[in-house]
Structure formats: structure tokens, C-alpha cells
């Protein structure tokens, strides 16, 4: 049972990085903008978190600073894609290259140094004493509770239970009709793209302050791309995206346990498990398209710039 508890605890921590980044991407893609710059945003957030903690010894400030950096670069991305109507894919790739390159250059003084402060576990009374799942789910830091229990429910409620959420989805499905109905298409797209980028920056800080408490070049290791794939697999739904991230966390945890216990599998294969899972998660919607088309269908206006004078 201790092995199972350990795998679950590691899975929750590992999945939290992907879950937060995926939630941000859900917000952006639901309003019709695909952001392929998640990898770069996470790298910037990871560095910002470490740098802020080195200066203040406060992981909370580090996380907030990473949210701010993500929001700033998200505004730049939204300026290019929403206001100037530049190609979203090219802008996303440029943001990834800019973010990873800038983080690698500015992060050299922090390379290899452990974080001066990290998020400490905050056990929930009674629940943390439950067998197996207690210590895995309810003896984590407060960011884990935010990512798994608060944010996905709040975003789901916003998107599917409120009039504003209906407007959001209308912007992603048919911006011309939404505009004709008086919905501020440009404003909704701009601010939700920036907010989604902010969450991606926060995911980077979570990585270096809660999961891997140190900075090194390449620490994000493709997790931004995995988060983008999770959104597709999850059908652009926040609750499903978090569940899928937890599955990836289990895959990552199995790789760690396998290496620690000397399973007769090459370490390189175990390290590849999350990326092999990504390929499988991308293929599955294609295979199941006919039966599950309504679930996997992307927003109709995804990646299409909106020209108000062209309807």
C-alpha cells in the first residue's frame, strides 16, 4: 500500500504542472485562439519563480510574479493574434522560442541552485488520515488544492453555467454571430488569451517551486506541448483536462518508481513514457472520432482571426 500511496502522491504533484497549464490553454482555445507558446511561457514562469524566491524567500510571491510575467507575455501574444490578426500558430511558435531562449539566457546565474524556499505541505484535518488516498491527495501544498479542487470547478461553472460562459463559447464557435449579438468578441478573446498565458506562467513556477525545486535549462522538458495535447484529448473541457493531467502524472510517477526500484526496463524507456502517452492521447480522438465526435470537436472558429468587416 505504501507503494500505491507514493505513486499517487507523486502523480498528483507531477500532474499539477500539466493541469494548470492545460486549464490556461482551455480558456484560450474556448474563445478561438490556439496558443502554442505554452512551453515558452512555462519556461519564463519557472525562471521567474526561482528568481523571485532567491530575492524574497517567498514561494507565494514567486508564484504571483510568474503569473504576472505570463500575463504580460500573454498580452503581447494577444496583441499580435487578436488585435493585429497575425497567424496564431506562427506567433505561438515564436513565443515558445522567445520564452525558452530568454529563460535559458537569463537563468544562467540560477542554474543548478536549489530553490531557497518551496511550497510546504498543508495537511487537511481528518481527510489526510484516510488510508491510501489521504496522504496522497490531502497532504499536499495549497497550490495542489487550488489546481485540482478549486480552479477546474470554477472554470467549468464559468464556462457552462453562466451567461458569460455562453458568450465565451459563442466567440469561439461563431464570432460573427456573437458580434452581431453585441458580445465584445475582441475584448473576450484578448483577456482570456492573456489569462490563459498567466496560468501557463504559474505552471512554470509550480514546476520549480513545488515539483522540481530548482532551475536548470530545459527544466520544462516539453510539458507545455503535453498540456496542449491534453486540451485536445479532453475535448476542451476543464474538468476532463485536469483528469487527463492526473493520468499523465501517474505515467510520470510510474517512470520514477520503475527507475528507483530497478525494474527490468531501460531508464530511457521509462523516461519516454509521458511522451509516448502524448502520442497515444493525440491518436485516440482520431480513432474514436465517429462515435465521440461531439466530445472531441474543437471550437469551430479555433485558430481563425476575426475580421469584423468580413462576416
C-alpha atoms as a PDB file:
ATOM      1  CA  UNK A   1       0.000   0.000   0.000  1.00  0.00           C
ATOM      2  CA  UNK A   2       2.906   2.347   0.637  1.00  0.00           C
ATOM      3  CA  UNK A   3       3.981   1.955  -2.986  1.00  0.00           C
ATOM      4  CA  UNK A   4       0.499   2.858  -4.211  1.00  0.00           C
ATOM      5  CA  UNK A   5       0.362   5.861  -1.896  1.00  0.00           C
ATOM      6  CA  UNK A   6       3.779   7.007  -3.080  1.00  0.00           C
ATOM      7  CA  UNK A   7       2.796   6.662  -6.741  1.00  0.00           C
ATOM      8  CA  UNK A   8      -0.415   8.613  -6.161  1.00  0.00           C
ATOM      9  CA  UNK A   9       1.355  11.372  -4.240  1.00  0.00           C
ATOM     10  CA  UNK A  10       3.969  11.770  -6.987  1.00  0.00           C
ATOM     11  CA  UNK A  11       1.263  11.599  -9.660  1.00  0.00           C
ATOM     12  CA  UNK A  12      -0.686  14.426  -8.036  1.00  0.00           C
ATOM     13  CA  UNK A  13       2.406  16.619  -7.872  1.00  0.00           C
ATOM     14  CA  UNK A  14       3.532  15.796 -11.420  1.00  0.00           C
ATOM     15  CA  UNK A  15       0.059  16.184 -12.867  1.00  0.00           C
ATOM     16  CA  UNK A  16      -0.437  19.586 -11.249  1.00  0.00           C
ATOM     17  CA  UNK A  17       2.052  21.188 -13.639  1.00  0.00           C
ATOM     18  CA  UNK A  18       0.174  19.908 -16.678  1.00  0.00           C
ATOM     19  CA  UNK A  19      -3.248  20.607 -15.175  1.00  0.00           C
ATOM     20  CA  UNK A  20      -2.588  24.298 -14.546  1.00  0.00           C
ATOM     21  CA  UNK A  21      -1.070  24.839 -17.999  1.00  0.00           C
ATOM     22  CA  UNK A  22      -3.926  22.898 -19.632  1.00  0.00           C
ATOM     23  CA  UNK A  23      -6.554  24.977 -17.824  1.00  0.00           C
ATOM     24  CA  UNK A  24      -4.955  28.109 -19.228  1.00  0.00           C
ATOM     25  CA  UNK A  25      -4.973  26.638 -22.728  1.00  0.00           C
ATOM     26  CA  UNK A  26      -8.632  25.646 -22.354  1.00  0.00           C
ATOM     27  CA  UNK A  27      -9.508  29.281 -21.663  1.00  0.00           C
ATOM     28  CA  UNK A  28      -7.650  30.470 -24.749  1.00  0.00           C
ATOM     29  CA  UNK A  29      -8.892  27.805 -27.140  1.00  0.00           C
ATOM     30  CA  UNK A  30     -12.503  28.074 -25.998  1.00  0.00           C
ATOM     31  CA  UNK A  31     -12.551  31.671 -27.260  1.00  0.00           C
ATOM     32  CA  UNK A  32     -10.994  30.628 -30.563  1.00  0.00           C
ATOM     33  CA  UNK A  33      -7.267  31.265 -30.075  1.00  0.00           C
ATOM     34  CA  UNK A  34      -4.709  28.461 -30.084  1.00  0.00           C
ATOM     35  CA  UNK A  35      -1.583  29.319 -28.108  1.00  0.00           C
ATOM     36  CA  UNK A  36       1.401  27.131 -28.957  1.00  0.00           C
ATOM     37  CA  UNK A  37       3.647  29.290 -26.800  1.00  0.00           C
ATOM     38  CA  UNK A  38       2.827  27.383 -23.594  1.00  0.00           C
ATOM     39  CA  UNK A  39       6.304  25.835 -23.452  1.00  0.00           C
ATOM     40  CA  UNK A  40       7.972  29.257 -23.578  1.00  0.00           C
ATOM     41  CA  UNK A  41       5.538  30.740 -21.048  1.00  0.00           C
ATOM     42  CA  UNK A  42       6.228  27.894 -18.626  1.00  0.00           C
ATOM     43  CA  UNK A  43       9.978  28.396 -19.003  1.00  0.00           C
ATOM     44  CA  UNK A  44       9.612  32.101 -18.213  1.00  0.00           C
ATOM     45  CA  UNK A  45       7.370  31.327 -15.254  1.00  0.00           C
ATOM     46  CA  UNK A  46       9.778  28.698 -13.939  1.00  0.00           C
ATOM     47  CA  UNK A  47      12.679  31.154 -14.019  1.00  0.00           C
ATOM     48  CA  UNK A  48      10.605  33.983 -12.553  1.00  0.00           C
ATOM     49  CA  UNK A  49       9.564  31.795  -9.642  1.00  0.00           C
ATOM     50  CA  UNK A  50      13.142  30.802  -8.818  1.00  0.00           C
ATOM     51  CA  UNK A  51      14.480  34.344  -9.220  1.00  0.00           C
ATOM     52  CA  UNK A  52      11.753  35.831  -7.012  1.00  0.00           C
ATOM     53  CA  UNK A  53      12.263  33.222  -4.305  1.00  0.00           C
ATOM     54  CA  UNK A  54      16.016  33.878  -4.398  1.00  0.00           C
ATOM     55  CA  UNK A  55      15.309  37.554  -3.718  1.00  0.00           C
ATOM     56  CA  UNK A  56      12.408  37.267  -1.265  1.00  0.00           C
ATOM     57  CA  UNK A  57      12.417  33.681   0.085  1.00  0.00           C
ATOM     58  CA  UNK A  58       8.647  33.651  -0.512  1.00  0.00           C
ATOM     59  CA  UNK A  59       7.290  30.953  -2.849  1.00  0.00           C
ATOM     60  CA  UNK A  60       3.890  32.664  -2.863  1.00  0.00           C
ATOM     61  CA  UNK A  61       5.463  35.849  -4.247  1.00  0.00           C
ATOM     62  CA  UNK A  62       7.349  33.724  -6.751  1.00  0.00           C
ATOM     63  CA  UNK A  63       4.121  32.170  -7.971  1.00  0.00           C
ATOM     64  CA  UNK A  64       2.363  35.542  -8.199  1.00  0.00           C
ATOM     65  CA  UNK A  65       5.324  37.023 -10.088  1.00  0.00           C
ATOM     66  CA  UNK A  66       5.214  34.130 -12.551  1.00  0.00           C
ATOM     67  CA  UNK A  67       1.510  34.739 -13.087  1.00  0.00           C
ATOM     68  CA  UNK A  68       2.336  38.374 -13.835  1.00  0.00           C
ATOM     69  CA  UNK A  69       5.089  37.515 -16.317  1.00  0.00           C
ATOM     70  CA  UNK A  70       2.802  35.033 -18.056  1.00  0.00           C
ATOM     71  CA  UNK A  71       0.069  37.657 -18.237  1.00  0.00           C
ATOM     72  CA  UNK A  72       2.470  40.230 -19.714  1.00  0.00           C
ATOM     73  CA  UNK A  73       3.684  37.921 -22.465  1.00  0.00           C
ATOM     74  CA  UNK A  74       0.114  36.737 -22.964  1.00  0.00           C
ATOM     75  CA  UNK A  75      -0.900  40.325 -23.651  1.00  0.00           C
ATOM     76  CA  UNK A  76       1.872  40.567 -26.247  1.00  0.00           C
ATOM     77  CA  UNK A  77       0.669  37.346 -27.856  1.00  0.00           C
ATOM     78  CA  UNK A  78      -2.942  38.579 -27.803  1.00  0.00           C
ATOM     79  CA  UNK A  79      -1.859  41.895 -29.296  1.00  0.00           C
ATOM     80  CA  UNK A  80      -0.315  40.062 -32.236  1.00  0.00           C
ATOM     81  CA  UNK A  81      -3.007  37.421 -32.762  1.00  0.00           C
ATOM     82  CA  UNK A  82      -6.246  39.119 -31.683  1.00  0.00           C
ATOM     83  CA  UNK A  83      -5.705  42.797 -32.481  1.00  0.00           C
ATOM     84  CA  UNK A  84      -3.225  42.544 -35.363  1.00  0.00           C
ATOM     85  CA  UNK A  85      -4.669  39.205 -36.564  1.00  0.00           C
ATOM     86  CA  UNK A  86      -1.276  37.587 -37.128  1.00  0.00           C
ATOM     87  CA  UNK A  87      -1.078  33.836 -37.694  1.00  0.00           C
ATOM     88  CA  UNK A  88      -1.695  32.159 -34.348  1.00  0.00           C
ATOM     89  CA  UNK A  89       0.464  29.105 -34.987  1.00  0.00           C
ATOM     90  CA  UNK A  90       3.489  31.131 -36.073  1.00  0.00           C
ATOM     91  CA  UNK A  91       3.088  33.553 -33.153  1.00  0.00           C
ATOM     92  CA  UNK A  92       2.829  30.645 -30.735  1.00  0.00           C
ATOM     93  CA  UNK A  93       5.978  29.019 -32.058  1.00  0.00           C
ATOM     94  CA  UNK A  94       7.762  32.378 -31.891  1.00  0.00           C
ATOM     95  CA  UNK A  95       6.641  32.787 -28.268  1.00  0.00           C
ATOM     96  CA  UNK A  96       7.988  29.345 -27.419  1.00  0.00           C
ATOM     97  CA  UNK A  97      11.369  30.135 -28.980  1.00  0.00           C
ATOM     98  CA  UNK A  98      11.473  33.562 -27.318  1.00  0.00           C
ATOM     99  CA  UNK A  99      10.450  32.260 -23.913  1.00  0.00           C
ATOM    100  CA  UNK A 100      12.786  29.287 -23.796  1.00  0.00           C
ATOM    101  CA  UNK A 101      15.714  31.290 -25.176  1.00  0.00           C
ATOM    102  CA  UNK A 102      15.181  34.230 -22.838  1.00  0.00           C
ATOM    103  CA  UNK A 103      14.780  31.953 -19.830  1.00  0.00           C
ATOM    104  CA  UNK A 104      17.908  29.986 -20.719  1.00  0.00           C
ATOM    105  CA  UNK A 105      19.975  33.146 -21.048  1.00  0.00           C
ATOM    106  CA  UNK A 106      18.643  34.992 -18.008  1.00  0.00           C
ATOM    107  CA  UNK A 107      18.614  31.825 -15.895  1.00  0.00           C
ATOM    108  CA  UNK A 108      22.336  31.067 -16.048  1.00  0.00           C
ATOM    109  CA  UNK A 109      23.059  32.585 -12.602  1.00  0.00           C
ATOM    110  CA  UNK A 110      20.430  30.263 -11.069  1.00  0.00           C
ATOM    111  CA  UNK A 111      21.385  27.073 -12.919  1.00  0.00           C
ATOM    112  CA  UNK A 112      21.749  24.110 -10.586  1.00  0.00           C
ATOM    113  CA  UNK A 113      20.845  26.093  -7.479  1.00  0.00           C
ATOM    114  CA  UNK A 114      18.023  24.702  -5.343  1.00  0.00           C
ATOM    115  CA  UNK A 115      15.101  26.967  -4.508  1.00  0.00           C
ATOM    116  CA  UNK A 116      15.632  28.864  -1.253  1.00  0.00           C
ATOM    117  CA  UNK A 117      12.020  28.212  -0.280  1.00  0.00           C
ATOM    118  CA  UNK A 118       9.348  25.861  -1.591  1.00  0.00           C
ATOM    119  CA  UNK A 119       5.660  25.247  -1.029  1.00  0.00           C
ATOM    120  CA  UNK A 120       5.256  23.144   2.087  1.00  0.00           C
ATOM    121  CA  UNK A 121       2.514  20.521   2.565  1.00  0.00           C
ATOM    122  CA  UNK A 122      -0.670  21.699   4.285  1.00  0.00           C
ATOM    123  CA  UNK A 123      -2.484  18.563   5.540  1.00  0.00           C
ATOM    124  CA  UNK A 124      -6.273  18.797   5.660  1.00  0.00           C
ATOM    125  CA  UNK A 125      -7.540  17.574   9.044  1.00  0.00           C
ATOM    126  CA  UNK A 126      -9.244  14.164   9.022  1.00  0.00           C
ATOM    127  CA  UNK A 127      -9.066  13.807   5.230  1.00  0.00           C
ATOM    128  CA  UNK A 128      -5.282  13.475   5.314  1.00  0.00           C
ATOM    129  CA  UNK A 129      -5.681  10.487   7.653  1.00  0.00           C
ATOM    130  CA  UNK A 130      -7.681   8.452   5.142  1.00  0.00           C
ATOM    131  CA  UNK A 131      -5.943   5.227   4.045  1.00  0.00           C
ATOM    132  CA  UNK A 132      -4.037   5.291   0.735  1.00  0.00           C
ATOM    133  CA  UNK A 133      -5.551   8.475  -0.723  1.00  0.00           C
ATOM    134  CA  UNK A 134      -5.306  10.594   2.428  1.00  0.00           C
ATOM    135  CA  UNK A 135      -1.626  11.434   2.317  1.00  0.00           C
ATOM    136  CA  UNK A 136      -1.582  11.430  -1.493  1.00  0.00           C
ATOM    137  CA  UNK A 137      -4.442  13.882  -2.041  1.00  0.00           C
ATOM    138  CA  UNK A 138      -4.897  15.769   1.206  1.00  0.00           C
ATOM    139  CA  UNK A 139      -1.348  16.243   2.490  1.00  0.00           C
ATOM    140  CA  UNK A 140      -0.178  18.441  -0.370  1.00  0.00           C
ATOM    141  CA  UNK A 141       0.667  22.122  -0.667  1.00  0.00           C
ATOM    142  CA  UNK A 142      -2.058  24.704  -1.173  1.00  0.00           C
ATOM    143  CA  UNK A 143      -1.301  25.037  -4.888  1.00  0.00           C
ATOM    144  CA  UNK A 144      -2.324  21.416  -5.404  1.00  0.00           C
ATOM    145  CA  UNK A 145      -5.677  22.088  -3.756  1.00  0.00           C
ATOM    146  CA  UNK A 146      -6.117  25.178  -5.914  1.00  0.00           C
ATOM    147  CA  UNK A 147      -5.302  23.327  -9.126  1.00  0.00           C
ATOM    148  CA  UNK A 148      -7.325  20.169  -8.511  1.00  0.00           C
ATOM    149  CA  UNK A 149     -10.265  21.257  -6.366  1.00  0.00           C
ATOM    150  CA  UNK A 150     -10.928  24.953  -6.977  1.00  0.00           C
ATOM    151  CA  UNK A 151      -9.804  26.178 -10.394  1.00  0.00           C
ATOM    152  CA  UNK A 152     -11.290  23.420 -12.587  1.00  0.00           C
ATOM    153  CA  UNK A 153     -14.657  23.598 -10.833  1.00  0.00           C
ATOM    154  CA  UNK A 154     -14.676  27.401 -11.004  1.00  0.00           C
ATOM    155  CA  UNK A 155     -13.754  27.428 -14.709  1.00  0.00           C
ATOM    156  CA  UNK A 156     -16.312  24.728 -15.501  1.00  0.00           C
ATOM    157  CA  UNK A 157     -19.009  26.700 -13.711  1.00  0.00           C
ATOM    158  CA  UNK A 158     -17.995  29.885 -15.509  1.00  0.00           C
ATOM    159  CA  UNK A 159     -17.971  28.272 -18.949  1.00  0.00           C
ATOM    160  CA  UNK A 160     -21.067  26.084 -18.751  1.00  0.00           C
ATOM    161  CA  UNK A 161     -23.296  27.526 -16.030  1.00  0.00           C
ATOM    162  CA  UNK A 162     -23.215  31.295 -16.628  1.00  0.00           C
ATOM    163  CA  UNK A 163     -24.309  33.665 -19.375  1.00  0.00           C
ATOM    164  CA  UNK A 164     -20.759  34.971 -19.633  1.00  0.00           C
ATOM    165  CA  UNK A 165     -19.535  31.449 -20.293  1.00  0.00           C
ATOM    166  CA  UNK A 166     -22.123  31.113 -23.045  1.00  0.00           C
ATOM    167  CA  UNK A 167     -20.726  34.300 -24.574  1.00  0.00           C
ATOM    168  CA  UNK A 168     -17.198  32.861 -24.333  1.00  0.00           C
ATOM    169  CA  UNK A 169     -18.188  29.716 -26.182  1.00  0.00           C
ATOM    170  CA  UNK A 170     -20.116  31.713 -28.762  1.00  0.00           C
ATOM    171  CA  UNK A 171     -16.984  33.736 -29.505  1.00  0.00           C
ATOM    172  CA  UNK A 172     -15.060  30.501 -30.090  1.00  0.00           C
ATOM    173  CA  UNK A 173     -17.781  28.947 -32.237  1.00  0.00           C
ATOM    174  CA  UNK A 174     -19.113  31.832 -34.319  1.00  0.00           C
ATOM    175  CA  UNK A 175     -17.537  35.215 -33.602  1.00  0.00           C
ATOM    176  CA  UNK A 176     -19.512  36.975 -36.341  1.00  0.00           C
ATOM    177  CA  UNK A 177     -22.847  35.905 -34.826  1.00  0.00           C
ATOM    178  CA  UNK A 178     -21.577  36.758 -31.356  1.00  0.00           C
ATOM    179  CA  UNK A 179     -20.519  40.209 -32.533  1.00  0.00           C
ATOM    180  CA  UNK A 180     -23.906  40.775 -34.153  1.00  0.00           C
ATOM    181  CA  UNK A 181     -25.499  39.946 -30.795  1.00  0.00           C
ATOM    182  CA  UNK A 182     -23.496  42.651 -29.067  1.00  0.00           C
ATOM    183  CA  UNK A 183     -20.841  40.403 -27.496  1.00  0.00           C
ATOM    184  CA  UNK A 184     -17.400  42.111 -27.358  1.00  0.00           C
ATOM    185  CA  UNK A 185     -15.518  39.473 -29.363  1.00  0.00           C
ATOM    186  CA  UNK A 186     -12.129  41.206 -29.414  1.00  0.00           C
ATOM    187  CA  UNK A 187     -12.139  42.007 -25.689  1.00  0.00           C
ATOM    188  CA  UNK A 188     -13.162  38.486 -24.674  1.00  0.00           C
ATOM    189  CA  UNK A 189     -10.520  36.919 -26.872  1.00  0.00           C
ATOM    190  CA  UNK A 190      -7.788  39.293 -25.728  1.00  0.00           C
ATOM    191  CA  UNK A 191      -8.311  38.957 -21.989  1.00  0.00           C
ATOM    192  CA  UNK A 192      -8.880  35.202 -21.917  1.00  0.00           C
ATOM    193  CA  UNK A 193      -5.785  34.602 -24.016  1.00  0.00           C
ATOM    194  CA  UNK A 194      -3.810  36.754 -21.547  1.00  0.00           C
ATOM    195  CA  UNK A 195      -5.377  34.954 -18.572  1.00  0.00           C
ATOM    196  CA  UNK A 196      -4.584  31.566 -20.064  1.00  0.00           C
ATOM    197  CA  UNK A 197      -0.978  32.624 -20.607  1.00  0.00           C
ATOM    198  CA  UNK A 198      -0.856  33.769 -16.985  1.00  0.00           C
ATOM    199  CA  UNK A 199      -1.841  30.286 -15.817  1.00  0.00           C
ATOM    200  CA  UNK A 200       0.870  28.794 -18.044  1.00  0.00           C
ATOM    201  CA  UNK A 201       3.427  31.058 -16.361  1.00  0.00           C
ATOM    202  CA  UNK A 202       2.096  29.948 -12.987  1.00  0.00           C
ATOM    203  CA  UNK A 203       2.507  26.318 -14.056  1.00  0.00           C
ATOM    204  CA  UNK A 204       6.189  27.022 -14.672  1.00  0.00           C
ATOM    205  CA  UNK A 205       6.584  28.428 -11.171  1.00  0.00           C
ATOM    206  CA  UNK A 206       4.766  25.399  -9.749  1.00  0.00           C
ATOM    207  CA  UNK A 207       7.308  23.207 -11.535  1.00  0.00           C
ATOM    208  CA  UNK A 208      10.364  24.851  -9.947  1.00  0.00           C
ATOM    209  CA  UNK A 209       8.867  25.670  -6.544  1.00  0.00           C
ATOM    210  CA  UNK A 210       6.739  22.607  -5.793  1.00  0.00           C
ATOM    211  CA  UNK A 211       7.683  19.677  -8.043  1.00  0.00           C
ATOM    212  CA  UNK A 212      11.342  20.122  -9.033  1.00  0.00           C
ATOM    213  CA  UNK A 213      12.657  22.708  -6.554  1.00  0.00           C
ATOM    214  CA  UNK A 214      15.483  24.014  -8.708  1.00  0.00           C
ATOM    215  CA  UNK A 215      16.155  25.699 -12.023  1.00  0.00           C
ATOM    216  CA  UNK A 216      18.069  24.342 -14.999  1.00  0.00           C
ATOM    217  CA  UNK A 217      17.910  24.995 -18.707  1.00  0.00           C
ATOM    218  CA  UNK A 218      15.279  22.763 -20.258  1.00  0.00           C
ATOM    219  CA  UNK A 219      13.555  22.065 -16.943  1.00  0.00           C
ATOM    220  CA  UNK A 220      10.129  22.340 -18.611  1.00  0.00           C
ATOM    221  CA  UNK A 221      11.121  19.385 -20.815  1.00  0.00           C
ATOM    222  CA  UNK A 222       8.210  19.512 -23.247  1.00  0.00           C
ATOM    223  CA  UNK A 223       5.465  19.749 -20.641  1.00  0.00           C
ATOM    224  CA  UNK A 224       3.991  22.749 -22.444  1.00  0.00           C
ATOM    225  CA  UNK A 225       3.425  20.666 -25.560  1.00  0.00           C
ATOM    226  CA  UNK A 226       1.917  17.864 -23.472  1.00  0.00           C
ATOM    227  CA  UNK A 227      -0.511  20.387 -21.945  1.00  0.00           C
ATOM    228  CA  UNK A 228      -1.634  21.461 -25.418  1.00  0.00           C
ATOM    229  CA  UNK A 229      -2.204  17.815 -26.360  1.00  0.00           C
ATOM    230  CA  UNK A 230      -4.188  17.250 -23.162  1.00  0.00           C
ATOM    231  CA  UNK A 231      -6.621  20.006 -24.116  1.00  0.00           C
ATOM    232  CA  UNK A 232      -7.374  18.263 -27.410  1.00  0.00           C
ATOM    233  CA  UNK A 233      -7.824  14.893 -25.710  1.00  0.00           C
ATOM    234  CA  UNK A 234     -10.018  16.458 -23.025  1.00  0.00           C
ATOM    235  CA  UNK A 235     -12.413  17.905 -25.564  1.00  0.00           C
ATOM    236  CA  UNK A 236     -11.581  21.468 -24.490  1.00  0.00           C
ATOM    237  CA  UNK A 237     -13.237  20.884 -21.095  1.00  0.00           C
ATOM    238  CA  UNK A 238     -11.566  21.953 -17.824  1.00  0.00           C
ATOM    239  CA  UNK A 239     -12.604  19.036 -15.612  1.00  0.00           C
ATOM    240  CA  UNK A 240     -11.571  16.455 -18.194  1.00  0.00           C
ATOM    241  CA  UNK A 241      -8.289  18.278 -18.787  1.00  0.00           C
ATOM    242  CA  UNK A 242      -7.392  18.035 -15.094  1.00  0.00           C
ATOM    243  CA  UNK A 243      -8.350  14.344 -15.028  1.00  0.00           C
ATOM    244  CA  UNK A 244      -6.167  13.704 -18.087  1.00  0.00           C
ATOM    245  CA  UNK A 245      -3.294  15.591 -16.433  1.00  0.00           C
ATOM    246  CA  UNK A 246      -3.609  13.300 -13.415  1.00  0.00           C
ATOM    247  CA  UNK A 247      -3.367  10.279 -15.714  1.00  0.00           C
ATOM    248  CA  UNK A 248      -0.154  11.729 -17.109  1.00  0.00           C
ATOM    249  CA  UNK A 249       1.003  12.253 -13.538  1.00  0.00           C
ATOM    250  CA  UNK A 250       0.518   8.535 -12.891  1.00  0.00           C
ATOM    251  CA  UNK A 251       2.527   7.707 -16.026  1.00  0.00           C
ATOM    252  CA  UNK A 252       5.331  10.002 -14.860  1.00  0.00           C
ATOM    253  CA  UNK A 253       5.240   8.536 -11.349  1.00  0.00           C
ATOM    254  CA  UNK A 254       5.491   5.000 -12.714  1.00  0.00           C
ATOM    255  CA  UNK A 255       8.640   6.032 -14.557  1.00  0.00           C
ATOM    256  CA  UNK A 256      10.181   7.379 -11.348  1.00  0.00           C
ATOM    257  CA  UNK A 257       9.232   4.295  -9.330  1.00  0.00           C
ATOM    258  CA  UNK A 258      10.490   1.966 -12.037  1.00  0.00           C
ATOM    259  CA  UNK A 259      13.901   3.620 -12.055  1.00  0.00           C
ATOM    260  CA  UNK A 260      14.090   3.705  -8.247  1.00  0.00           C
ATOM    261  CA  UNK A 261      13.136   0.032  -7.881  1.00  0.00           C
ATOM    262  CA  UNK A 262      15.279  -1.192 -10.737  1.00  0.00           C
ATOM    263  CA  UNK A 263      12.552  -2.552 -12.970  1.00  0.00           C
ATOM    264  CA  UNK A 264      13.987  -4.542 -15.906  1.00  0.00           C
ATOM    265  CA  UNK A 265      13.195  -1.727 -18.322  1.00  0.00           C
ATOM    266  CA  UNK A 266      15.732   0.661 -19.811  1.00  0.00           C
ATOM    267  CA  UNK A 267      15.691   4.020 -17.969  1.00  0.00           C
ATOM    268  CA  UNK A 268      15.375   5.783 -21.328  1.00  0.00           C
ATOM    269  CA  UNK A 269      12.118   3.899 -21.995  1.00  0.00           C
ATOM    270  CA  UNK A 270      10.730   4.846 -18.583  1.00  0.00           C
ATOM    271  CA  UNK A 271      11.637   8.495 -19.193  1.00  0.00           C
ATOM    272  CA  UNK A 272       9.836   8.340 -22.528  1.00  0.00           C
ATOM    273  CA  UNK A 273       6.531   7.198 -21.010  1.00  0.00           C
ATOM    274  CA  UNK A 274       4.900  10.675 -20.764  1.00  0.00           C
ATOM    275  CA  UNK A 275       5.782  11.462 -24.383  1.00  0.00           C
ATOM    276  CA  UNK A 276       4.545   8.091 -25.611  1.00  0.00           C
ATOM    277  CA  UNK A 277       1.367   8.811 -23.693  1.00  0.00           C
ATOM    278  CA  UNK A 278       1.062  12.128 -25.503  1.00  0.00           C
ATOM    279  CA  UNK A 279       1.188  10.380 -28.873  1.00  0.00           C
ATOM    280  CA  UNK A 280      -1.467   7.919 -27.715  1.00  0.00           C
ATOM    281  CA  UNK A 281      -3.676  10.722 -26.419  1.00  0.00           C
ATOM    282  CA  UNK A 282      -3.467  12.500 -29.790  1.00  0.00           C
ATOM    283  CA  UNK A 283      -4.235   9.340 -31.769  1.00  0.00           C
ATOM    284  CA  UNK A 284      -7.203   8.308 -29.607  1.00  0.00           C
ATOM    285  CA  UNK A 285      -9.514  11.180 -30.656  1.00  0.00           C
ATOM    286  CA  UNK A 286      -8.829  10.342 -34.316  1.00  0.00           C
ATOM    287  CA  UNK A 287      -9.633   6.659 -33.799  1.00  0.00           C
ATOM    288  CA  UNK A 288     -12.761   7.411 -31.761  1.00  0.00           C
ATOM    289  CA  UNK A 289     -13.872  10.371 -33.903  1.00  0.00           C
ATOM    290  CA  UNK A 290     -17.004   8.828 -35.378  1.00  0.00           C
ATOM    291  CA  UNK A 291     -18.504   7.725 -32.072  1.00  0.00           C
ATOM    292  CA  UNK A 292     -17.285  10.589 -29.894  1.00  0.00           C
ATOM    293  CA  UNK A 293     -17.262  13.453 -32.392  1.00  0.00           C
ATOM    294  CA  UNK A 294     -19.408  15.784 -30.220  1.00  0.00           C
ATOM    295  CA  UNK A 295     -16.956  15.358 -27.334  1.00  0.00           C
ATOM    296  CA  UNK A 296     -13.708  15.882 -29.233  1.00  0.00           C
ATOM    297  CA  UNK A 297     -14.981  18.573 -31.621  1.00  0.00           C
ATOM    298  CA  UNK A 298     -12.891  21.723 -31.439  1.00  0.00           C
ATOM    299  CA  UNK A 299     -14.428  25.209 -31.337  1.00  0.00           C
ATOM    300  CA  UNK A 300     -15.496  25.996 -34.895  1.00  0.00           C
ATOM    301  CA  UNK A 301     -13.526  29.259 -35.068  1.00  0.00           C
ATOM    302  CA  UNK A 302     -10.364  27.931 -33.424  1.00  0.00           C
ATOM    303  CA  UNK A 303      -7.184  29.475 -34.867  1.00  0.00           C
ATOM    304  CA  UNK A 304      -9.211  31.748 -37.153  1.00  0.00           C
ATOM    305  CA  UNK A 305      -8.668  35.508 -36.736  1.00  0.00           C
ATOM    306  CA  UNK A 306     -11.871  37.518 -36.657  1.00  0.00           C
ATOM    307  CA  UNK A 307     -12.273  40.433 -39.062  1.00  0.00           C
ATOM    308  CA  UNK A 308     -15.269  42.459 -38.038  1.00  0.00           C
ATOM    309  CA  UNK A 309     -15.754  43.867 -41.522  1.00  0.00           C
ATOM    310  CA  UNK A 310     -15.787  40.357 -43.048  1.00  0.00           C
ATOM    311  CA  UNK A 311     -18.779  38.252 -41.970  1.00  0.00           C
END
